[in-house]
Structures are given as structure tokens and as C-alpha cells.
Amino acid sequence: MRGNIVEHCPSYPLVVDVSSSTIQVGIAETNGWAQLASSKNQALDGVFQLIQKLDIKLRKVDSVFFCAGPGSTLGLRLALAFIKTLEWERQGELKLFSYNALDMACRMVKQPPKFLQAPFRLGWRLVRSSPDQKAIGRKEIFEIEEALEKFPDSLHLEDSRTKVSTIEPQKLLKYDLNKTKGLEDLYSVSEAKNKLEVFSPPPPKFKKWNPQIKFLSPS
């Protein structure tokens, strides 16, 4: 870990990730996990159930790492509401960190992929690239057909809602925090935040073609 991270390493960091169909909550350690559990329940119910299951002491939590997405906007906002309530109760004592699921997913494989795709809004896909091998990569939005054609060698995060038949099973990456090195990976892909927001960029807008042929123009 970087020097400044070691100096400010939290003692009881809570991780909340509802970006996939499997909710994941845990307490991270320097190179792994003190506790980590998952649930298939709805976002807010799942978070509370996992905290009770792990017997996490919320009064001891000194920092929160939150996955901002991509994922279900409603689920992400519900989890965000829980974190904001916790922040309010702690009266500014919490340090907040946010990360993107695409960046975290790249820490789950031995060799980070050149391109990683995830389902976005209906008809669109999010593509992560990192030509300079930085932990926080570039994210761009493409229509499904263009994303699959332009980046054929991509790995793909699973989509629980819609199956894309053209994606080969061996190119699917299961999103599992157990495959990461706790704080070591979290700090590499996270950014400190004064407030937490959901990752939900708007799809690109294309201008409609306007013919410039004179005989089609009004006289």
C-alpha cells in the first residue's frame, strides 16, 4: 500500500456493495477480510440482515467504502440512504470512500483485462479501459451492438436481468469481493468523498441527421 494509506489505515472499515444481484457487506483488513457475507435479498433489507448476521458493531465503524455502481439505481440509492443515516449518527466521524464496480472487478483476476464491460441502461453497455494500467480506468457508454463489435476481447460482468447470447461463458466474470485483497485493493480503486453519490452517467445523445439538400429546404 502507498505510504499515506498506511498512515491513515482505518481500524474498522465497513464495505457495502449492492452493485450486483448479490449484496455484499463486510469488514476489510489490510490484505483481506475480517468478515464478509453476501445475500440475494433486496438492497436495504439485505444490508441490514448481513450486518446483523456478521454482528458488525456500527459504533466501531470509522470508515465506509461504498460501491457507487453501475447497478440498480434504486438499490444503490437505498444503500446510500443507510450510509447517510450512519454518517449522521456518527456526526462527521466517518471517512467516506467510493469506488466503481468495474475497477473493483479488475482486482478479482490475476491479469486485469484490457477491456471490461457491464450492462448499463436498456440498450447500452458500459466499457472500462485502462491503456496506462491505472487502477481507476476510463468508462465509456456504447450501444450494445457497438460495444460487442468494437471490443470483442472484453471480459463481461454478469447481467442477472438480460442474457446476451453472443457472450461466451468463459468471458463472464463473477463479481465476488472474496477474490480481492481487502483494503489493499479498496484503496487502489477508491476516492475519498465528502458526500456519496450514485454512479449514473447519462447515455450519449446523438443529433438527428438534418438533410442539407436545397430542394428539400423551404423556398
C-alpha atoms as a PDB file:
ATOM      1  CA  MET A   1       0.000   0.000   0.000  1.00  0.00           C
ATOM      2  CA  ARG A   2       1.018   3.574  -0.534  1.00  0.00           C
ATOM      3  CA  GLY A   3       2.705   5.349   2.377  1.00  0.00           C
ATOM      4  CA  ASN A   4      -0.106   7.787   3.036  1.00  0.00           C
ATOM      5  CA  ILE A   5      -2.593   4.911   3.137  1.00  0.00           C
ATOM      6  CA  VAL A   6      -0.642   3.067   5.809  1.00  0.00           C
ATOM      7  CA  GLU A   7      -0.620   6.199   7.952  1.00  0.00           C
ATOM      8  CA  HIS A   8      -4.395   6.559   7.770  1.00  0.00           C
ATOM      9  CA  CYS A   9      -5.384   2.885   7.715  1.00  0.00           C
ATOM     10  CA  PRO A  10      -8.806   2.549   9.405  1.00  0.00           C
ATOM     11  CA  SER A  11      -9.283   0.078  12.238  1.00  0.00           C
ATOM     12  CA  TYR A  12     -12.862  -0.971  11.424  1.00  0.00           C
ATOM     13  CA  PRO A  13     -13.769  -0.224   7.768  1.00  0.00           C
ATOM     14  CA  LEU A  14     -17.254  -1.210   6.626  1.00  0.00           C
ATOM     15  CA  VAL A  15     -17.711  -2.168   2.966  1.00  0.00           C
ATOM     16  CA  VAL A  16     -21.162  -2.001   1.349  1.00  0.00           C
ATOM     17  CA  ASP A  17     -21.572  -3.236  -2.230  1.00  0.00           C
ATOM     18  CA  VAL A  18     -25.011  -3.633  -3.826  1.00  0.00           C
ATOM     19  CA  SER A  19     -23.858  -3.177  -7.412  1.00  0.00           C
ATOM     20  CA  SER A  20     -24.711  -6.744  -8.446  1.00  0.00           C
ATOM     21  CA  SER A  21     -27.638  -9.078  -7.786  1.00  0.00           C
ATOM     22  CA  THR A  22     -25.652 -10.393  -4.810  1.00  0.00           C
ATOM     23  CA  ILE A  23     -25.377  -7.857  -1.980  1.00  0.00           C
ATOM     24  CA  GLN A  24     -22.006  -7.955  -0.225  1.00  0.00           C
ATOM     25  CA  VAL A  25     -21.165  -6.445   3.177  1.00  0.00           C
ATOM     26  CA  GLY A  26     -18.019  -6.872   5.225  1.00  0.00           C
ATOM     27  CA  ILE A  27     -15.194  -5.547   7.353  1.00  0.00           C
ATOM     28  CA  ALA A  28     -11.955  -5.243   5.407  1.00  0.00           C
ATOM     29  CA  GLU A  29      -8.436  -5.898   6.650  1.00  0.00           C
ATOM     30  CA  THR A  30      -5.103  -4.754   5.226  1.00  0.00           C
ATOM     31  CA  ASN A  31      -4.742  -7.699   2.836  1.00  0.00           C
ATOM     32  CA  GLY A  32      -8.071  -9.485   3.131  1.00  0.00           C
ATOM     33  CA  TRP A  33     -11.327  -9.658   5.033  1.00  0.00           C
ATOM     34  CA  ALA A  34     -12.084  -9.941   8.730  1.00  0.00           C
ATOM     35  CA  GLN A  35     -15.708 -10.616   7.832  1.00  0.00           C
ATOM     36  CA  LEU A  36     -17.594 -10.820   4.548  1.00  0.00           C
ATOM     37  CA  ALA A  37     -21.051 -12.147   3.695  1.00  0.00           C
ATOM     38  CA  SER A  38     -23.491 -11.974   0.809  1.00  0.00           C
ATOM     39  CA  SER A  39     -27.248 -12.022   0.275  1.00  0.00           C
ATOM     40  CA  LYS A  40     -29.705 -12.274  -2.618  1.00  0.00           C
ATOM     41  CA  ASN A  41     -32.326 -10.179  -0.817  1.00  0.00           C
ATOM     42  CA  GLN A  42     -33.398  -6.659  -1.727  1.00  0.00           C
ATOM     43  CA  ALA A  43     -30.811  -3.926  -1.185  1.00  0.00           C
ATOM     44  CA  LEU A  44     -31.787  -2.271   2.092  1.00  0.00           C
ATOM     45  CA  ASP A  45     -33.142  -5.430   3.746  1.00  0.00           C
ATOM     46  CA  GLY A  46     -30.082  -7.354   2.603  1.00  0.00           C
ATOM     47  CA  VAL A  47     -27.637  -4.811   4.022  1.00  0.00           C
ATOM     48  CA  PHE A  48     -29.305  -4.813   7.459  1.00  0.00           C
ATOM     49  CA  GLN A  49     -29.579  -8.616   7.517  1.00  0.00           C
ATOM     50  CA  LEU A  50     -25.903  -9.040   6.682  1.00  0.00           C
ATOM     51  CA  ILE A  51     -24.841  -6.518   9.319  1.00  0.00           C
ATOM     52  CA  GLN A  52     -26.874  -8.464  11.905  1.00  0.00           C
ATOM     53  CA  LYS A  53     -25.576 -11.809  10.637  1.00  0.00           C
ATOM     54  CA  LEU A  54     -21.947 -10.681  10.918  1.00  0.00           C
ATOM     55  CA  ASP A  55     -22.660  -8.877  14.202  1.00  0.00           C
ATOM     56  CA  ILE A  56     -20.948  -5.760  12.891  1.00  0.00           C
ATOM     57  CA  LYS A  57     -20.523  -3.127  15.580  1.00  0.00           C
ATOM     58  CA  LEU A  58     -21.697   0.028  13.823  1.00  0.00           C
ATOM     59  CA  ARG A  59     -20.399   2.248  16.647  1.00  0.00           C
ATOM     60  CA  LYS A  60     -16.878   0.974  15.904  1.00  0.00           C
ATOM     61  CA  VAL A  61     -17.039   1.718  12.168  1.00  0.00           C
ATOM     62  CA  ASP A  62     -14.572   4.507  11.375  1.00  0.00           C
ATOM     63  CA  SER A  63     -14.811   4.457   7.569  1.00  0.00           C
ATOM     64  CA  VAL A  64     -17.198   3.247   4.864  1.00  0.00           C
ATOM     65  CA  PHE A  65     -16.281   2.041   1.378  1.00  0.00           C
ATOM     66  CA  PHE A  66     -19.302   2.208  -0.906  1.00  0.00           C
ATOM     67  CA  CYS A  67     -19.656   0.863  -4.444  1.00  0.00           C
ATOM     68  CA  ALA A  68     -21.320   3.667  -6.402  1.00  0.00           C
ATOM     69  CA  GLY A  69     -22.268   1.430  -9.344  1.00  0.00           C
ATOM     70  CA  PRO A  70     -23.014   0.621 -12.050  1.00  0.00           C
ATOM     71  CA  GLY A  71     -26.035  -1.302 -10.880  1.00  0.00           C
ATOM     72  CA  SER A  72     -29.662  -0.845  -9.947  1.00  0.00           C
ATOM     73  CA  THR A  73     -30.059   2.869  -9.271  1.00  0.00           C
ATOM     74  CA  LEU A  74     -32.834   2.201  -6.758  1.00  0.00           C
ATOM     75  CA  GLY A  75     -30.778  -0.387  -4.888  1.00  0.00           C
ATOM     76  CA  LEU A  76     -27.720   1.859  -4.841  1.00  0.00           C
ATOM     77  CA  ARG A  77     -29.730   4.797  -3.504  1.00  0.00           C
ATOM     78  CA  LEU A  78     -31.298   2.675  -0.764  1.00  0.00           C
ATOM     79  CA  ALA A  79     -27.863   1.525   0.381  1.00  0.00           C
ATOM     80  CA  LEU A  80     -26.711   5.121   0.192  1.00  0.00           C
ATOM     81  CA  ALA A  81     -29.574   6.147   2.481  1.00  0.00           C
ATOM     82  CA  PHE A  82     -28.331   3.641   5.068  1.00  0.00           C
ATOM     83  CA  ILE A  83     -24.779   5.016   4.889  1.00  0.00           C
ATOM     84  CA  LYS A  84     -26.002   8.598   5.176  1.00  0.00           C
ATOM     85  CA  THR A  85     -28.006   7.668   8.267  1.00  0.00           C
ATOM     86  CA  LEU A  86     -24.920   6.061   9.761  1.00  0.00           C
ATOM     87  CA  GLU A  87     -22.887   9.162   8.879  1.00  0.00           C
ATOM     88  CA  TRP A  88     -25.470  11.425  10.532  1.00  0.00           C
ATOM     89  CA  GLU A  89     -25.453   9.344  13.719  1.00  0.00           C
ATOM     90  CA  ARG A  90     -21.655   9.459  13.864  1.00  0.00           C
ATOM     91  CA  GLN A  91     -21.703  13.261  13.446  1.00  0.00           C
ATOM     92  CA  GLY A  92     -18.947  13.547  10.875  1.00  0.00           C
ATOM     93  CA  GLU A  93     -16.593  10.962  12.404  1.00  0.00           C
ATOM     94  CA  LEU A  94     -16.768   8.631   9.393  1.00  0.00           C
ATOM     95  CA  LYS A  95     -14.374   8.732   6.452  1.00  0.00           C
ATOM     96  CA  LEU A  96     -16.204   8.047   3.205  1.00  0.00           C
ATOM     97  CA  PHE A  97     -14.775   6.327   0.137  1.00  0.00           C
ATOM     98  CA  SER A  98     -16.440   5.481  -3.159  1.00  0.00           C
ATOM     99  CA  TYR A  99     -15.411   3.045  -5.892  1.00  0.00           C
ATOM    100  CA  ASN A 100     -16.710   1.767  -9.226  1.00  0.00           C
ATOM    101  CA  ALA A 101     -17.612  -1.910  -9.651  1.00  0.00           C
ATOM    102  CA  LEU A 102     -15.721  -2.116 -12.953  1.00  0.00           C
ATOM    103  CA  ASP A 103     -12.492  -1.028 -11.282  1.00  0.00           C
ATOM    104  CA  MET A 104     -13.001  -3.414  -8.373  1.00  0.00           C
ATOM    105  CA  ALA A 105     -13.820  -6.278 -10.740  1.00  0.00           C
ATOM    106  CA  CYS A 106     -10.416  -5.881 -12.378  1.00  0.00           C
ATOM    107  CA  ARG A 107      -8.827  -6.679  -8.998  1.00  0.00           C
ATOM    108  CA  MET A 108     -10.626 -10.033  -8.994  1.00  0.00           C
ATOM    109  CA  VAL A 109      -8.480 -11.589 -11.736  1.00  0.00           C
ATOM    110  CA  LYS A 110      -4.734 -12.242 -11.881  1.00  0.00           C
ATOM    111  CA  GLN A 111      -4.334 -10.372 -15.157  1.00  0.00           C
ATOM    112  CA  PRO A 112      -6.608  -7.297 -15.392  1.00  0.00           C
ATOM    113  CA  PRO A 113      -8.417  -7.295 -18.756  1.00  0.00           C
ATOM    114  CA  LYS A 114      -7.727  -4.633 -21.347  1.00  0.00           C
ATOM    115  CA  PHE A 115     -11.478  -4.070 -21.627  1.00  0.00           C
ATOM    116  CA  LEU A 116     -14.258  -4.918 -19.191  1.00  0.00           C
ATOM    117  CA  GLN A 117     -17.942  -4.477 -19.955  1.00  0.00           C
ATOM    118  CA  ALA A 118     -21.012  -4.267 -17.758  1.00  0.00           C
ATOM    119  CA  PRO A 119     -24.726  -3.904 -18.514  1.00  0.00           C
ATOM    120  CA  PHE A 120     -25.957  -0.348 -18.228  1.00  0.00           C
ATOM    121  CA  ARG A 121     -29.354   1.040 -19.102  1.00  0.00           C
ATOM    122  CA  LEU A 122     -31.604  -0.748 -21.570  1.00  0.00           C
ATOM    123  CA  GLY A 123     -29.814  -0.981 -24.914  1.00  0.00           C
ATOM    124  CA  TRP A 124     -26.474   0.272 -23.582  1.00  0.00           C
ATOM    125  CA  ARG A 125     -23.257  -1.157 -22.136  1.00  0.00           C
ATOM    126  CA  LEU A 126     -20.503   0.406 -20.065  1.00  0.00           C
ATOM    127  CA  VAL A 127     -16.939  -0.284 -21.208  1.00  0.00           C
ATOM    128  CA  ARG A 128     -13.910   0.167 -18.958  1.00  0.00           C
ATOM    129  CA  SER A 129     -10.445   0.572 -20.429  1.00  0.00           C
ATOM    130  CA  SER A 130      -7.072   1.401 -18.925  1.00  0.00           C
ATOM    131  CA  PRO A 131      -4.322   1.715 -21.533  1.00  0.00           C
ATOM    132  CA  ASP A 132      -1.930   3.088 -18.890  1.00  0.00           C
ATOM    133  CA  GLN A 133      -2.780   0.250 -16.448  1.00  0.00           C
ATOM    134  CA  LYS A 134      -4.115   2.630 -13.805  1.00  0.00           C
ATOM    135  CA  ALA A 135      -6.359   1.068 -11.171  1.00  0.00           C
ATOM    136  CA  ILE A 136      -9.155   3.557 -11.877  1.00  0.00           C
ATOM    137  CA  GLY A 137      -9.925   3.129 -15.564  1.00  0.00           C
ATOM    138  CA  ARG A 138     -11.801   5.106 -18.160  1.00  0.00           C
ATOM    139  CA  LYS A 139     -15.533   4.373 -18.537  1.00  0.00           C
ATOM    140  CA  GLU A 140     -17.455   4.939 -21.769  1.00  0.00           C
ATOM    141  CA  ILE A 141     -21.032   4.170 -22.766  1.00  0.00           C
ATOM    142  CA  PHE A 142     -21.832   2.379 -26.029  1.00  0.00           C
ATOM    143  CA  GLU A 143     -24.910   0.849 -27.590  1.00  0.00           C
ATOM    144  CA  ILE A 144     -24.892  -2.920 -27.093  1.00  0.00           C
ATOM    145  CA  GLU A 145     -24.125  -3.835 -30.696  1.00  0.00           C
ATOM    146  CA  GLU A 146     -21.266  -1.341 -30.940  1.00  0.00           C
ATOM    147  CA  ALA A 147     -19.747  -2.376 -27.591  1.00  0.00           C
ATOM    148  CA  LEU A 148     -19.723  -6.076 -28.505  1.00  0.00           C
ATOM    149  CA  GLU A 149     -18.388  -5.455 -32.008  1.00  0.00           C
ATOM    150  CA  LYS A 150     -15.776  -2.833 -31.096  1.00  0.00           C
ATOM    151  CA  PHE A 151     -14.361  -4.672 -28.057  1.00  0.00           C
ATOM    152  CA  PRO A 152     -14.645  -8.402 -28.893  1.00  0.00           C
ATOM    153  CA  ASP A 153     -11.930  -9.447 -26.411  1.00  0.00           C
ATOM    154  CA  SER A 154     -13.661  -7.911 -23.383  1.00  0.00           C
ATOM    155  CA  LEU A 155     -14.477  -9.692 -20.177  1.00  0.00           C
ATOM    156  CA  HIS A 156     -18.041  -9.099 -19.013  1.00  0.00           C
ATOM    157  CA  LEU A 157     -19.741  -8.714 -15.662  1.00  0.00           C
ATOM    158  CA  GLU A 158     -22.770 -10.955 -15.394  1.00  0.00           C
ATOM    159  CA  ASP A 159     -26.221  -9.487 -16.042  1.00  0.00           C
ATOM    160  CA  SER A 160     -28.907 -11.036 -13.870  1.00  0.00           C
ATOM    161  CA  ARG A 161     -31.677  -9.381 -15.892  1.00  0.00           C
ATOM    162  CA  THR A 162     -30.771  -9.960 -19.543  1.00  0.00           C
ATOM    163  CA  LYS A 163     -28.563 -12.659 -21.010  1.00  0.00           C
ATOM    164  CA  VAL A 164     -26.578 -11.699 -24.111  1.00  0.00           C
ATOM    165  CA  SER A 165     -26.352 -14.912 -26.125  1.00  0.00           C
ATOM    166  CA  THR A 166     -23.283 -13.787 -28.079  1.00  0.00           C
ATOM    167  CA  ILE A 167     -21.104 -13.512 -24.947  1.00  0.00           C
ATOM    168  CA  GLU A 168     -19.142 -16.711 -24.384  1.00  0.00           C
ATOM    169  CA  PRO A 169     -19.452 -18.186 -20.843  1.00  0.00           C
ATOM    170  CA  GLN A 170     -15.665 -18.134 -20.318  1.00  0.00           C
ATOM    171  CA  LYS A 171     -15.697 -14.367 -20.799  1.00  0.00           C
ATOM    172  CA  LEU A 172     -18.097 -13.794 -17.897  1.00  0.00           C
ATOM    173  CA  LEU A 173     -16.572 -12.526 -14.662  1.00  0.00           C
ATOM    174  CA  LYS A 174     -18.329 -13.273 -11.387  1.00  0.00           C
ATOM    175  CA  TYR A 175     -18.317 -10.241  -9.109  1.00  0.00           C
ATOM    176  CA  ASP A 176     -17.048 -11.544  -5.764  1.00  0.00           C
ATOM    177  CA  LEU A 177     -15.247  -9.411  -3.182  1.00  0.00           C
ATOM    178  CA  ASN A 178     -13.742 -12.578  -1.720  1.00  0.00           C
ATOM    179  CA  LYS A 179     -11.400 -12.536  -4.703  1.00  0.00           C
ATOM    180  CA  THR A 180      -9.898  -9.190  -3.646  1.00  0.00           C
ATOM    181  CA  LYS A 181      -7.239  -8.221  -1.105  1.00  0.00           C
ATOM    182  CA  GLY A 182      -9.354  -6.120   1.202  1.00  0.00           C
ATOM    183  CA  LEU A 183      -8.012  -2.640   1.909  1.00  0.00           C
ATOM    184  CA  GLU A 184      -5.078  -3.069  -0.461  1.00  0.00           C
ATOM    185  CA  ASP A 185      -7.459  -3.278  -3.427  1.00  0.00           C
ATOM    186  CA  LEU A 186     -10.109  -0.968  -1.981  1.00  0.00           C
ATOM    187  CA  TYR A 187      -7.695   1.923  -1.587  1.00  0.00           C
ATOM    188  CA  SER A 188      -6.285   1.437  -5.081  1.00  0.00           C
ATOM    189  CA  VAL A 189      -9.701   1.913  -6.738  1.00  0.00           C
ATOM    190  CA  SER A 190     -11.435   4.254  -4.266  1.00  0.00           C
ATOM    191  CA  GLU A 191     -11.644   8.006  -3.904  1.00  0.00           C
ATOM    192  CA  ALA A 192     -12.303   9.922  -0.704  1.00  0.00           C
ATOM    193  CA  LYS A 193     -15.670  11.675  -0.723  1.00  0.00           C
ATOM    194  CA  ASN A 194     -17.301  14.464   1.248  1.00  0.00           C
ATOM    195  CA  LYS A 195     -20.647  13.086   0.071  1.00  0.00           C
ATOM    196  CA  LEU A 196     -21.626   9.858  -1.633  1.00  0.00           C
ATOM    197  CA  GLU A 197     -23.390   9.767  -4.968  1.00  0.00           C
ATOM    198  CA  VAL A 198     -24.600   7.006  -7.276  1.00  0.00           C
ATOM    199  CA  PHE A 199     -22.652   6.427 -10.496  1.00  0.00           C
ATOM    200  CA  SER A 200     -25.299   7.058 -13.153  1.00  0.00           C
ATOM    201  CA  PRO A 201     -23.963   8.973 -16.164  1.00  0.00           C
ATOM    202  CA  PRO A 202     -26.488   9.741 -18.927  1.00  0.00           C
ATOM    203  CA  PRO A 203     -26.153   7.815 -22.202  1.00  0.00           C
ATOM    204  CA  PRO A 204     -24.652   9.882 -25.032  1.00  0.00           C
ATOM    205  CA  LYS A 205     -27.080  11.910 -27.093  1.00  0.00           C
ATOM    206  CA  PHE A 206     -26.853  11.848 -30.852  1.00  0.00           C
ATOM    207  CA  LYS A 207     -28.072  14.703 -33.048  1.00  0.00           C
ATOM    208  CA  LYS A 208     -30.644  13.687 -35.597  1.00  0.00           C
ATOM    209  CA  TRP A 209     -29.452  13.946 -39.171  1.00  0.00           C
ATOM    210  CA  ASN A 210     -30.628  17.132 -40.834  1.00  0.00           C
ATOM    211  CA  PRO A 211     -30.584  16.962 -44.645  1.00  0.00           C
ATOM    212  CA  GLN A 212     -28.894  19.920 -46.328  1.00  0.00           C
ATOM    213  CA  ILE A 213     -30.230  19.287 -49.841  1.00  0.00           C
ATOM    214  CA  LYS A 214     -31.571  22.542 -51.251  1.00  0.00           C
ATOM    215  CA  PHE A 215     -34.704  21.177 -52.891  1.00  0.00           C
ATOM    216  CA  LEU A 216     -35.827  19.784 -49.512  1.00  0.00           C
ATOM    217  CA  SER A 217     -35.481  23.183 -47.875  1.00  0.00           C
ATOM    218  CA  PRO A 218     -38.333  25.668 -47.862  1.00  0.00           C
ATOM    219  CA  SER A 219     -38.079  28.263 -50.609  1.00  0.00           C
END
